């Protein structure tokens, strides 16, 4: 292959005052001249932040990447972008996913970079970095931060999914406030993101199944030294990718996206996967729609016995053979010829993979659950679709009809959910409005509403819950999410009233409000939007341009990309 001129040489290879300025100011960091003389410049896009605890170890990973880049003859330069800590950012980290993608895109394009390594771990850091990089389309490789080790509390393994169980137990007086506090330190005991198949782990699996990382990226624990080894090897490989001119669009074809959807199904991945993969596809220019998730997931059972759909943790998946072992078990369902960033196909990468623990990784013939994946439901309540994860749901509720108990917004929910006078029974359907992209704004993870105390006291642990919001990938239950159009945009969800009958049949893909068209028309005529439009700033921009959930909730003007060409040159 003919070696093209390195993009970075448009800065460092210049003659005269421009080249002088570009090189001189870099040299004030103690950089030898030869580093700027034709070596591939590799940007290390780092989402390290002390406000993003999941990514708190990324400085160490960045140093490992730098070693690899230097060993391969490249010049590493680390740069920060806005970091989204899922546990701390308000009103929701999802509000800022698109903003970070803009930060990433413009930082890559504006600077003298030939290739990029994306360091991402906590939920939104992964899709936002990939979205931004896709819109530039340089050689790019992804490193996930890795899951934390599972916690231990009173002789039991615990992880993030137990937060919901602890909360319910606390409400019922089954654990004391002291025990609740003690469990905090026992659960998050090492560096890394959630130890279960939450959204962060789902994103790491997505990265590897798309072919954007080296094999085993998804499951190596953050505390395991092999995470640093993978980072160093990634640093070596990105230099080779630059020399071979392998860009993101060479990896991210339609087969890669189909692989990711099928793998997500087999692992019982987060429903957030849908909204993020749709957004990534929109940036790289691959046609993908909500129904693809239903069609491509159909018939794929749960192969990974990982919480919240199963029993175990991400570190257990790694010890059982990692994602390559699981991919080999389902290789007949995959496009094994899809290329990955290490220059080999998915099929080649998994050819020697082995399963070491059948209690963690099952087979297509003997899975852990027959139903998995993402099911898309539609009807007059969700004309553009909504999603549900059967593997995390109660089987008896996947076909159910009940009376609606409506909360107009999240404040209304918190105010009334534990009111002893709330009219509700175990067959009711909880409905939460105005928590979608525009209405919240940002589409918060509040869809898996905690059940009312009076229902928990009856021994009921699950009810159907419906909203235009999202839920944490660590959550579970019979939860219908991403109802589109959202209530704030005038979707039918806005018209639901207390006592309306709602029918869910996940097997038939149905979500129906049992109210006549005439009655709905009357309600629509008197409906007034309650959405509060922010008067300025990024949130104003977001509310005016964010697309609905079934399109990926990206901003309409960010779809596609502008490439790596700088719009104007300083000389």
Protein backbone atom coordinates (compact mmCIF):
# COMPACT_ATOMS: atom_id res chain seq x y z
CA UNK A 1 0.00 0.00 0.00
CA UNK A 2 1.33 3.41 -0.95
CA UNK A 3 2.17 5.43 2.14
CA UNK A 4 0.14 8.62 2.24
CA UNK A 5 1.43 11.79 3.80
CA UNK A 6 0.65 11.87 7.48
CA UNK A 7 -2.10 14.30 8.40
CA UNK A 8 0.03 15.64 11.27
CA UNK A 9 2.66 16.83 8.81
CA UNK A 10 0.24 19.56 7.71
CA UNK A 11 1.28 21.09 11.04
CA UNK A 12 4.73 19.78 11.93
CA UNK A 13 6.10 19.43 8.40
CA UNK A 14 5.55 23.09 7.56
CA UNK A 15 8.28 25.50 6.52
CA UNK A 16 8.56 29.08 7.74
CA UNK A 17 6.90 30.71 10.72
CA UNK A 18 3.87 28.38 10.84
CA UNK A 19 5.99 25.27 11.19
CA UNK A 20 8.22 27.14 13.64
CA UNK A 21 5.21 27.96 15.86
CA UNK A 22 3.69 24.47 15.73
CA UNK A 23 6.97 22.76 16.60
CA UNK A 24 8.40 25.29 19.03
CA UNK A 25 5.43 25.32 21.37
CA UNK A 26 5.29 21.51 21.43
CA UNK A 27 8.98 21.42 22.30
CA UNK A 28 8.39 23.35 25.52
CA UNK A 29 7.19 20.02 26.92
CA UNK A 30 10.63 18.49 26.42
CA UNK A 31 9.89 16.73 23.13
CA UNK A 32 12.92 15.72 20.98
CA UNK A 33 12.86 17.05 17.39
CA UNK A 34 12.59 13.60 15.79
CA UNK A 35 9.18 13.07 17.38
CA UNK A 36 7.82 15.72 15.04
CA UNK A 37 9.62 14.51 11.95
CA UNK A 38 7.22 12.08 10.32
CA UNK A 39 6.20 9.83 13.21
CA UNK A 40 2.45 9.02 13.36
CA UNK A 41 0.90 11.28 15.98
CA UNK A 42 -1.56 9.33 18.11
CA UNK A 43 -4.12 11.18 20.17
CA UNK A 44 -5.15 9.51 23.42
CA UNK A 45 -8.64 10.82 24.10
CA UNK A 46 -9.00 10.51 27.86
CA UNK A 47 -12.18 10.73 29.91
CA UNK A 48 -10.31 10.53 33.22
CA UNK A 49 -11.94 12.59 35.93
CA UNK A 50 -12.27 12.38 39.68
CA UNK A 51 -15.93 13.18 39.10
CA UNK A 52 -16.19 10.02 36.98
CA UNK A 53 -15.19 7.33 39.50
CA UNK A 54 -15.55 4.52 36.93
CA UNK A 55 -12.75 6.15 34.90
CA UNK A 56 -10.54 7.12 37.84
CA UNK A 57 -7.73 4.74 36.77
CA UNK A 58 -7.43 6.05 33.21
CA UNK A 59 -4.20 7.92 33.82
CA UNK A 60 -2.51 4.54 34.29
CA UNK A 61 -4.12 3.14 31.16
CA UNK A 62 -3.04 6.20 29.18
CA UNK A 63 0.57 5.64 30.27
CA UNK A 64 0.36 2.04 29.07
CA UNK A 65 -1.00 3.21 25.70
CA UNK A 66 1.87 5.68 25.40
CA UNK A 67 4.40 2.88 25.93
CA UNK A 68 2.88 0.92 23.09
CA UNK A 69 2.74 3.91 20.75
CA UNK A 70 6.40 4.72 21.41
CA UNK A 71 7.43 1.08 20.91
CA UNK A 72 5.74 1.07 17.51
CA UNK A 73 7.44 4.29 16.40
CA UNK A 74 4.60 6.71 17.00
CA UNK A 75 4.32 9.91 19.00
CA UNK A 76 1.57 9.80 21.68
CA UNK A 77 -0.24 12.93 22.83
CA UNK A 78 -2.91 12.74 25.52
CA UNK A 79 -5.84 15.14 25.55
CA UNK A 80 -8.93 15.51 27.74
CA UNK A 81 -12.55 15.82 26.78
CA UNK A 82 -15.63 16.36 28.92
CA UNK A 83 -16.20 13.30 31.12
CA UNK A 84 -19.62 12.04 32.17
CA UNK A 85 -19.84 10.32 35.53
CA UNK A 86 -23.11 8.42 35.52
CA UNK A 87 -23.40 8.41 39.29
CA UNK A 88 -22.98 12.15 39.83
CA UNK A 89 -24.01 14.19 36.78
CA UNK A 90 -27.41 15.88 37.00
CA UNK A 91 -30.04 16.03 35.68
CA UNK A 92 -28.74 13.01 33.73
CA UNK A 93 -25.51 12.13 31.95
CA UNK A 94 -27.53 11.33 28.84
CA UNK A 95 -28.31 15.02 28.42
CA UNK A 96 -24.62 15.63 27.73
CA UNK A 97 -23.78 12.60 25.58
CA UNK A 98 -24.21 14.61 22.40
CA UNK A 99 -22.23 17.54 23.81
CA UNK A 100 -19.27 15.26 24.56
CA UNK A 101 -19.50 13.85 21.05
CA UNK A 102 -19.11 17.40 19.72
CA UNK A 103 -16.13 17.95 22.02
CA UNK A 104 -14.50 14.76 20.74
CA UNK A 105 -15.22 15.43 17.07
CA UNK A 106 -13.91 18.97 17.10
CA UNK A 107 -10.87 18.10 19.26
CA UNK A 108 -9.81 15.36 16.84
CA UNK A 109 -10.38 17.36 13.68
CA UNK A 110 -8.78 20.57 14.92
CA UNK A 111 -5.51 19.00 16.05
CA UNK A 112 -2.51 17.35 14.31
CA UNK A 113 -3.61 13.75 14.88
CA UNK A 114 -3.12 10.76 12.57
CA UNK A 115 -4.91 8.22 14.73
CA UNK A 116 -6.87 8.12 17.97
CA UNK A 117 -7.22 5.82 20.97
CA UNK A 118 -10.46 6.36 22.87
CA UNK A 119 -10.33 5.68 26.63
CA UNK A 120 -13.88 5.15 27.80
CA UNK A 121 -15.64 3.23 30.52
CA UNK A 122 -18.56 4.82 32.33
CA UNK A 123 -21.85 4.51 30.45
CA UNK A 124 -22.04 7.60 28.22
CA UNK A 125 -18.31 8.05 27.72
CA UNK A 126 -18.24 5.12 25.28
CA UNK A 127 -20.98 6.10 22.81
CA UNK A 128 -20.13 9.79 22.96
CA UNK A 129 -16.46 9.19 22.11
CA UNK A 130 -17.29 6.75 19.32
CA UNK A 131 -19.96 9.07 17.89
CA UNK A 132 -17.53 11.98 17.76
CA UNK A 133 -14.74 9.88 16.27
CA UNK A 134 -17.08 8.47 13.61
CA UNK A 135 -17.86 11.97 12.40
CA UNK A 136 -14.13 12.49 11.70
CA UNK A 137 -13.30 8.93 10.52
CA UNK A 138 -9.59 8.63 11.30
CA UNK A 139 -7.87 5.37 12.33
CA UNK A 140 -9.42 4.75 15.74
CA UNK A 141 -9.17 2.08 18.42
CA UNK A 142 -11.18 1.83 21.65
CA UNK A 143 -10.09 0.73 25.13
CA UNK A 144 -12.71 0.20 27.83
CA UNK A 145 -11.87 0.77 31.47
CA UNK A 146 -13.00 -2.66 32.63
CA UNK A 147 -15.45 -3.76 35.33
CA UNK A 148 -14.74 -3.45 39.04
CA UNK A 149 -14.34 -6.67 40.99
CA UNK A 150 -17.56 -7.98 42.50
CA UNK A 151 -18.31 -6.86 46.03
CA UNK A 152 -18.70 -8.99 49.12
CA UNK A 153 -21.19 -8.29 51.90
CA UNK A 154 -22.06 -10.66 54.73
CA UNK A 155 -20.78 -13.67 52.85
CA UNK A 156 -22.56 -12.81 49.60
CA UNK A 157 -21.30 -11.52 46.27
CA UNK A 158 -22.91 -8.17 45.43
CA UNK A 159 -22.91 -5.73 42.52
CA UNK A 160 -24.75 -2.69 41.24
CA UNK A 161 -27.99 -4.59 40.58
CA UNK A 162 -28.24 -5.15 44.34
CA UNK A 163 -28.76 -1.41 44.85
CA UNK A 164 -32.41 -1.87 43.85
CA UNK A 165 -32.74 -4.86 46.17
CA UNK A 166 -31.13 -3.01 49.07
CA UNK A 167 -33.49 -0.08 48.49
CA UNK A 168 -36.57 -2.31 48.61
CA UNK A 169 -35.24 -4.11 51.71
CA UNK A 170 -34.60 -0.78 53.40
CA UNK A 171 -38.16 0.36 52.70
CA UNK A 172 -39.49 -2.81 54.26
CA UNK A 173 -37.21 -2.57 57.31
CA UNK A 174 -35.38 -5.75 56.38
CA UNK A 175 -31.96 -4.07 56.67
CA UNK A 176 -30.92 -1.23 58.94
CA UNK A 177 -29.52 2.12 57.84
CA UNK A 178 -26.15 1.02 59.23
CA UNK A 179 -26.19 -2.12 57.08
CA UNK A 180 -27.24 -0.06 54.06
CA UNK A 181 -24.22 2.22 54.60
CA UNK A 182 -21.88 -0.70 55.15
CA UNK A 183 -22.94 -2.27 51.84
CA UNK A 184 -21.81 0.87 49.98
CA UNK A 185 -18.15 0.27 50.79
CA UNK A 186 -18.48 -3.47 50.24
CA UNK A 187 -19.89 -3.10 46.72
CA UNK A 188 -17.64 -0.50 45.03
CA UNK A 189 -14.34 -1.81 46.41
CA UNK A 190 -12.03 -1.50 43.39
CA UNK A 191 -11.49 0.72 40.38
CA UNK A 192 -13.65 0.14 37.33
CA UNK A 193 -17.24 0.43 36.17
CA UNK A 194 -20.24 -1.65 37.32
CA UNK A 195 -19.44 -5.32 37.87
CA UNK A 196 -22.66 -6.54 36.22
CA UNK A 197 -23.97 -6.41 32.65
CA UNK A 198 -25.08 -2.83 33.11
CA UNK A 199 -24.77 -0.19 30.44
CA UNK A 200 -21.01 0.28 30.92
CA UNK A 201 -20.31 -3.44 30.45
CA UNK A 202 -22.82 -3.53 27.61
CA UNK A 203 -20.91 -0.72 25.90
CA UNK A 204 -17.63 -2.60 26.36
CA UNK A 205 -19.21 -5.68 24.79
CA UNK A 206 -20.57 -3.50 21.98
CA UNK A 207 -17.09 -2.13 21.30
CA UNK A 208 -15.54 -5.58 21.03
CA UNK A 209 -18.36 -7.12 19.00
CA UNK A 210 -18.25 -4.17 16.58
CA UNK A 211 -14.55 -4.92 16.08
CA UNK A 212 -13.32 -1.62 17.53
CA UNK A 213 -11.05 -3.10 20.20
CA UNK A 214 -8.54 -5.87 20.65
CA UNK A 215 -9.99 -9.23 21.75
CA UNK A 216 -10.92 -9.56 25.44
CA UNK A 217 -11.36 -5.82 25.90
CA UNK A 218 -14.90 -6.25 27.22
CA UNK A 219 -14.36 -8.32 30.33
CA UNK A 220 -10.83 -7.94 31.73
CA UNK A 221 -11.38 -6.47 35.22
CA UNK A 222 -10.07 -2.95 35.75
CA UNK A 223 -7.91 -4.17 38.64
CA UNK A 224 -6.30 -6.92 36.55
CA UNK A 225 -2.81 -6.15 35.23
CA UNK A 226 -3.89 -7.58 31.88
CA UNK A 227 -5.99 -4.45 31.33
CA UNK A 228 -2.71 -2.49 31.18
CA UNK A 229 -1.20 -5.07 28.86
CA UNK A 230 -4.17 -4.74 26.50
CA UNK A 231 -3.73 -0.97 26.59
CA UNK A 232 -0.04 -1.22 25.70
CA UNK A 233 -0.78 -3.60 22.83
CA UNK A 234 -3.51 -1.22 21.66
CA UNK A 235 -0.92 1.57 21.57
CA UNK A 236 1.23 -0.53 19.28
CA UNK A 237 -1.67 -1.47 17.04
CA UNK A 238 -3.02 2.05 16.47
CA UNK A 239 0.34 3.05 14.94
CA UNK A 240 0.06 0.12 12.53
CA UNK A 241 -3.52 1.15 11.70
CA UNK A 242 -2.31 4.61 10.71
CA UNK A 243 0.37 3.14 8.48
CA UNK A 244 -2.18 0.74 6.94
CA UNK A 245 -4.75 3.54 6.55
CA UNK A 246 -7.50 1.61 8.38
CA UNK A 247 -10.25 4.05 9.36
CA UNK A 248 -13.47 3.61 11.31
CA UNK A 249 -15.65 3.22 8.23
CA UNK A 250 -13.51 0.22 7.20
CA UNK A 251 -14.62 -1.57 10.38
CA UNK A 252 -18.13 -0.25 10.95
CA UNK A 253 -20.12 -1.74 8.09
CA UNK A 254 -23.62 -3.17 8.37
CA UNK A 255 -22.29 -6.67 9.33
CA UNK A 256 -20.52 -5.20 12.38
CA UNK A 257 -23.75 -3.64 13.61
CA UNK A 258 -25.68 -6.87 13.08
CA UNK A 259 -23.03 -8.74 15.06
CA UNK A 260 -23.29 -6.26 17.92
CA UNK A 261 -27.08 -6.60 18.11
CA UNK A 262 -26.95 -10.39 18.20
CA UNK A 263 -24.18 -10.45 20.79
CA UNK A 264 -26.08 -7.97 22.96
CA UNK A 265 -29.04 -10.34 22.85
CA UNK A 266 -26.97 -13.33 23.95
CA UNK A 267 -25.58 -11.40 26.91
CA UNK A 268 -28.82 -9.77 28.06
CA UNK A 269 -27.28 -6.34 27.53
CA UNK A 270 -28.74 -3.02 28.56
CA UNK A 271 -31.69 -1.47 26.73
CA UNK A 272 -29.52 1.66 26.50
CA UNK A 273 -27.57 -0.26 23.87
CA UNK A 274 -30.39 0.47 21.41
CA UNK A 275 -30.28 4.23 21.69
CA UNK A 276 -26.48 4.39 21.57
CA UNK A 277 -25.97 2.01 18.64
CA UNK A 278 -28.61 3.89 16.62
CA UNK A 279 -26.72 7.13 17.24
CA UNK A 280 -23.37 5.59 16.25
CA UNK A 281 -24.89 4.19 13.05
CA UNK A 282 -26.25 7.64 12.22
CA UNK A 283 -22.78 9.14 12.51
CA UNK A 284 -20.94 6.56 10.39
CA UNK A 285 -23.70 6.39 7.76
CA UNK A 286 -25.00 2.83 8.26
CA UNK A 287 -28.75 2.33 7.82
CA UNK A 288 -30.13 0.99 11.10
CA UNK A 289 -33.63 1.23 12.56
CA UNK A 290 -35.40 0.23 15.75
CA UNK A 291 -37.01 -2.85 14.21
CA UNK A 292 -33.55 -4.25 13.38
CA UNK A 293 -33.00 -4.84 17.08
CA UNK A 294 -36.15 -6.93 17.29
CA UNK A 295 -35.59 -8.88 14.07
CA UNK A 296 -31.89 -9.58 14.66
CA UNK A 297 -32.39 -10.51 18.33
CA UNK A 298 -35.30 -12.84 17.70
CA UNK A 299 -34.64 -16.43 18.65
CA UNK A 300 -31.32 -15.74 20.36
CA UNK A 301 -31.33 -17.13 23.90
CA UNK A 302 -29.42 -15.88 26.93
CA UNK A 303 -25.95 -17.46 26.84
CA UNK A 304 -24.24 -15.40 29.55
CA UNK A 305 -25.27 -16.04 33.14
CA UNK A 306 -24.48 -12.47 34.21
CA UNK A 307 -26.57 -10.12 36.35
CA UNK A 308 -29.09 -8.57 36.03
CA UNK A 309 -30.50 -11.21 33.66
CA UNK A 310 -28.44 -13.98 35.28
CA UNK A 311 -26.55 -14.62 38.50
CA UNK A 312 -22.85 -13.84 38.06
CA UNK A 313 -20.52 -10.92 37.24
CA UNK A 314 -18.30 -9.59 34.48
CA UNK A 315 -15.09 -10.86 36.07
CA UNK A 316 -16.65 -14.35 36.06
CA UNK A 317 -17.26 -13.97 32.33
CA UNK A 318 -13.58 -13.18 31.83
CA UNK A 319 -12.42 -16.17 33.86
CA UNK A 320 -14.83 -18.37 31.88
CA UNK A 321 -13.14 -17.44 28.60
CA UNK A 322 -14.21 -13.86 28.03
CA UNK A 323 -16.25 -12.50 25.17
CA UNK A 324 -14.26 -14.45 22.53
CA UNK A 325 -15.43 -17.73 24.09
CA UNK A 326 -19.05 -16.60 24.03
CA UNK A 327 -18.72 -15.39 20.44
CA UNK A 328 -17.43 -18.78 19.42
CA UNK A 329 -20.48 -20.43 20.97
CA UNK A 330 -22.74 -18.32 18.74
CA UNK A 331 -20.49 -18.04 15.68
CA UNK A 332 -23.14 -19.60 13.40
CA UNK A 333 -25.22 -16.45 14.06
CA UNK A 334 -22.43 -13.97 13.34
CA UNK A 335 -20.77 -12.41 10.32
CA UNK A 336 -17.43 -14.04 11.13
CA UNK A 337 -15.79 -12.36 8.14
CA UNK A 338 -16.28 -8.88 9.65
CA UNK A 339 -12.92 -7.13 10.01
CA UNK A 340 -11.66 -5.83 13.37
CA UNK A 341 -9.06 -3.26 14.37
CA UNK A 342 -6.33 -5.86 14.91
CA UNK A 343 -6.39 -6.64 11.19
CA UNK A 344 -8.06 -10.01 11.69
CA UNK A 345 -11.68 -11.03 11.27
CA UNK A 346 -14.03 -11.84 14.13
CA UNK A 347 -13.83 -15.48 13.05
CA UNK A 348 -10.04 -15.50 13.20
CA UNK A 349 -10.04 -13.81 16.60
CA UNK A 350 -12.30 -16.44 18.19
CA UNK A 351 -10.98 -19.57 16.44
CA UNK A 352 -8.99 -20.75 19.47
CA UNK A 353 -11.30 -19.43 22.19
CA UNK A 354 -12.42 -21.90 24.87
CA UNK A 355 -15.16 -21.97 27.50
CA UNK A 356 -13.80 -22.81 30.94
CA UNK A 357 -17.02 -22.62 32.95
CA UNK A 358 -20.38 -23.79 31.62
CA UNK A 359 -22.06 -22.22 34.61
CA UNK A 360 -21.18 -18.83 33.11
CA UNK A 361 -21.29 -19.34 29.32
CA UNK A 362 -23.98 -21.61 27.93
CA UNK A 363 -24.63 -22.99 24.46
CA UNK A 364 -27.30 -22.29 21.88
CA UNK A 365 -28.71 -25.73 22.65
CA UNK A 366 -28.52 -25.33 26.44
CA UNK A 367 -28.89 -21.61 27.24
CA UNK A 368 -29.66 -20.07 30.62
CA UNK A 369 -32.93 -18.54 29.42
CA UNK A 370 -34.85 -19.11 26.20
CA UNK A 371 -35.72 -15.43 25.78
CA UNK A 372 -33.25 -12.60 25.60
CA UNK A 373 -32.42 -9.63 23.46
CA UNK A 374 -34.49 -6.54 22.91
CA UNK A 375 -38.16 -6.76 21.95
CA UNK A 376 -39.77 -3.81 20.21
CA UNK A 377 -43.43 -3.19 21.04
CA UNK A 378 -45.78 -0.92 19.13
CA UNK A 379 -49.39 0.14 19.24
CA UNK A 380 -51.45 3.25 19.71
CA UNK A 381 -49.45 4.04 22.86
CA UNK A 382 -46.09 3.84 21.06
CA UNK A 383 -46.57 4.43 17.31
CA UNK A 384 -42.80 4.77 16.76
CA UNK A 385 -41.99 1.93 19.12
CA UNK A 386 -40.82 1.17 22.64
CA UNK A 387 -38.45 -1.48 23.98
CA UNK A 388 -38.47 -4.18 26.66
CA UNK A 389 -35.83 -6.67 27.77
CA UNK A 390 -37.52 -10.07 28.29
CA UNK A 391 -34.54 -11.64 30.06
CA UNK A 392 -34.87 -9.12 32.89
CA UNK A 393 -38.68 -9.30 33.04
CA UNK A 394 -41.16 -11.54 34.87
CA UNK A 395 -42.52 -14.07 32.34
CA UNK A 396 -46.09 -13.85 33.64
CA UNK A 397 -46.17 -10.09 32.99
CA UNK A 398 -44.99 -10.22 29.38
CA UNK A 399 -48.65 -10.69 28.46
CA UNK A 400 -50.80 -8.64 30.79
CA UNK A 401 -53.50 -5.98 30.96
CA UNK A 402 -54.04 -3.63 33.87
CA UNK A 403 -55.30 -0.24 34.97
CA UNK A 404 -52.93 2.69 34.59
CA UNK A 405 -51.56 4.52 37.62
CA UNK A 406 -50.23 7.72 36.08
CA UNK A 407 -47.45 10.01 37.24
CA UNK A 408 -47.18 13.19 35.19
CA UNK A 409 -43.46 13.68 35.83
CA UNK A 410 -40.67 12.46 38.09
CA UNK A 411 -41.55 14.97 40.82
CA UNK A 412 -45.15 13.72 40.84
CA UNK A 413 -43.86 10.15 41.12
CA UNK A 414 -41.64 10.91 44.12
CA UNK A 415 -44.45 12.84 45.79
CA UNK A 416 -47.12 10.15 45.52
CA UNK A 417 -45.52 6.73 45.01
CA UNK A 418 -45.52 5.84 48.70
CA UNK A 419 -48.75 7.64 49.57
CA UNK A 420 -50.88 5.14 51.53
CA UNK A 421 -53.95 6.46 49.69
CA UNK A 422 -52.52 5.73 46.23
CA UNK A 423 -55.12 3.71 44.31
CA UNK A 424 -53.14 0.73 43.07
CA UNK A 425 -53.02 -3.06 43.17
CA UNK A 426 -50.59 -5.72 42.00
CA UNK A 427 -52.18 -5.85 38.54
CA UNK A 428 -51.87 -2.10 37.91
CA UNK A 429 -49.56 -0.62 35.31
CA UNK A 430 -47.29 2.23 36.43
CA UNK A 431 -47.00 5.02 33.85
CA UNK A 432 -44.41 7.80 34.06
CA UNK A 433 -44.64 10.71 31.60
CA UNK A 434 -42.33 13.54 30.58
CA UNK A 435 -38.99 11.85 31.21
CA UNK A 436 -38.01 11.55 27.54
CA UNK A 437 -35.30 13.37 25.58
CA UNK A 438 -37.05 16.74 25.51
CA UNK A 439 -39.28 16.41 28.53
CA UNK A 440 -36.78 15.68 31.29
CA UNK A 441 -34.63 16.93 29.44
CA UNK A 442 -32.09 14.25 28.59
CA UNK A 443 -34.10 11.03 29.02
CA UNK A 444 -33.16 10.00 32.53
CA UNK A 445 -32.75 6.46 33.90
CA UNK A 446 -35.96 6.54 35.92
CA UNK A 447 -38.07 4.08 33.92
CA UNK A 448 -37.59 1.18 36.35
CA UNK A 449 -39.64 2.95 39.01
CA UNK A 450 -39.27 1.55 42.51
CA UNK A 451 -42.58 -0.09 43.42
CA UNK A 452 -44.85 1.60 45.97
CA UNK A 453 -44.18 0.57 49.55
CA UNK A 454 -47.73 -0.73 49.96
CA UNK A 455 -47.16 -3.07 46.99
CA UNK A 456 -43.78 -4.26 48.28
CA UNK A 457 -45.42 -5.03 51.62
CA UNK A 458 -47.75 -7.43 49.80
CA UNK A 459 -44.74 -9.44 48.64
CA UNK A 460 -45.00 -8.19 45.06
CA UNK A 461 -41.58 -7.69 43.47
CA UNK A 462 -42.51 -6.72 39.90
CA UNK A 463 -45.15 -4.77 38.01
CA UNK A 464 -45.36 -3.44 34.46
CA UNK A 465 -43.78 -0.01 34.26
CA UNK A 466 -44.05 2.20 31.17
CA UNK A 467 -42.29 5.47 30.41
CA UNK A 468 -40.63 7.56 27.72
CA UNK A 469 -37.41 7.43 29.75
CA UNK A 470 -34.63 4.90 30.12
CA UNK A 471 -33.45 2.62 32.90
CA UNK A 472 -30.04 1.70 34.20
CA UNK A 473 -28.60 -1.37 32.57
CA UNK A 474 -28.13 -2.70 36.09
CA UNK A 475 -31.89 -2.57 36.64
CA UNK A 476 -34.43 -5.30 36.08
CA UNK A 477 -38.16 -5.91 35.93
CA UNK A 478 -40.96 -5.82 33.37
CA UNK A 479 -40.17 -2.33 32.19
CA UNK A 480 -41.29 -0.78 28.88
CA UNK A 481 -38.95 2.05 27.93
CA UNK A 482 -38.17 4.65 25.25
CA UNK A 483 -41.87 5.12 24.36
CA UNK A 484 -41.81 7.17 21.17
CA UNK A 485 -42.96 9.83 20.50
CA UNK A 486 -42.42 11.02 24.05
CA UNK A 487 -45.10 12.78 26.07
CA UNK A 488 -43.41 16.19 25.84
CA UNK A 489 -43.54 15.94 22.04
CA UNK A 490 -47.27 15.25 22.14
CA UNK A 491 -47.01 11.48 21.87
CA UNK A 492 -50.01 9.35 22.93
CA UNK A 493 -48.31 8.71 26.28
CA UNK A 494 -49.25 12.28 27.19
CA UNK A 495 -52.94 11.37 26.92
CA UNK A 496 -53.00 8.42 29.34
CA UNK A 497 -55.20 8.88 32.41
CA UNK A 498 -55.60 7.03 35.69
CA UNK A 499 -57.76 3.96 35.28
CA UNK A 500 -57.15 3.50 31.54
CA UNK A 501 -56.53 -0.11 30.60
CA UNK A 502 -53.14 -0.79 29.03
CA UNK A 503 -52.40 -4.08 27.32
CA UNK A 504 -48.89 -5.43 26.87
CA UNK A 505 -48.14 -8.49 24.78
CA UNK A 506 -44.39 -8.63 24.35
CA UNK A 507 -44.67 -11.92 22.44
CA UNK A 508 -46.77 -10.19 19.78
CA UNK A 509 -44.92 -6.86 19.98
CA UNK A 510 -48.02 -5.00 21.20
CA UNK A 511 -48.46 -2.04 23.54
CA UNK A 512 -52.03 -0.82 23.38
CA UNK A 513 -54.03 1.80 25.24
CA UNK A 514 -57.60 0.47 25.45
CA UNK A 515 -59.19 3.84 24.75
CA UNK A 516 -61.22 4.68 21.63
CA UNK A 517 -59.78 6.84 18.88
CA UNK A 518 -62.60 9.33 19.44
CA UNK A 519 -61.80 9.66 23.14
CA UNK A 520 -58.10 10.10 22.38
CA UNK A 521 -58.95 12.81 19.85
CA UNK A 522 -60.98 14.65 22.49
CA UNK A 523 -58.12 14.40 24.96
CA UNK A 524 -55.64 15.64 22.39
CA UNK A 525 -57.78 18.68 21.65
CA UNK A 526 -57.49 19.78 25.27
CA UNK A 527 -53.86 18.74 25.80
CA UNK A 528 -51.34 21.45 26.64
CA UNK A 529 -47.58 20.82 26.65
CA UNK A 530 -45.93 21.05 30.06
CA UNK A 531 -42.37 20.95 28.73
CA UNK A 532 -40.14 23.68 30.15
CA UNK A 533 -37.89 25.03 27.41
CA UNK A 534 -34.61 26.38 28.76
CA UNK A 535 -33.96 29.98 27.67
CA UNK A 536 -30.27 29.63 26.82
CA UNK A 537 -27.16 27.49 26.61
CA UNK A 538 -26.59 23.89 25.62
CA UNK A 539 -29.90 22.66 27.06
CA UNK A 540 -31.75 25.14 24.83
CA UNK A 541 -29.86 23.76 21.83
CA UNK A 542 -30.55 20.19 22.95
CA UNK A 543 -34.29 20.63 23.42
CA UNK A 544 -34.67 22.26 20.02
CA UNK A 545 -32.65 19.70 18.07
CA UNK A 546 -32.69 16.33 19.86
CA UNK A 547 -34.34 13.55 17.91
CA UNK A 548 -36.72 11.01 19.41
CA UNK A 549 -35.57 7.79 21.05
CA UNK A 550 -36.35 5.53 18.09
CA UNK A 551 -33.82 7.55 16.07
CA UNK A 552 -31.08 7.43 18.70
CA UNK A 553 -31.68 10.77 20.47
CA UNK A 554 -28.80 12.42 18.63
CA UNK A 555 -29.14 16.03 17.55
CA UNK A 556 -30.51 16.38 14.03
CA UNK A 557 -27.58 18.55 12.88
CA UNK A 558 -24.97 16.07 14.14
CA UNK A 559 -25.97 13.12 11.98
CA UNK A 560 -23.23 12.03 9.58
CA UNK A 561 -19.79 13.61 9.65
CA UNK A 562 -17.53 16.31 8.27
CA UNK A 563 -14.40 14.21 7.84
CA UNK A 564 -10.91 15.09 9.00
CA UNK A 565 -10.28 18.09 6.77
CA UNK A 566 -9.77 21.34 8.68
CA UNK A 567 -12.20 23.95 7.35
CA UNK A 568 -9.72 26.86 7.26
CA UNK A 569 -5.95 26.95 7.40
CA UNK A 570 -4.02 29.47 9.47
CA UNK A 571 -1.48 30.23 6.73
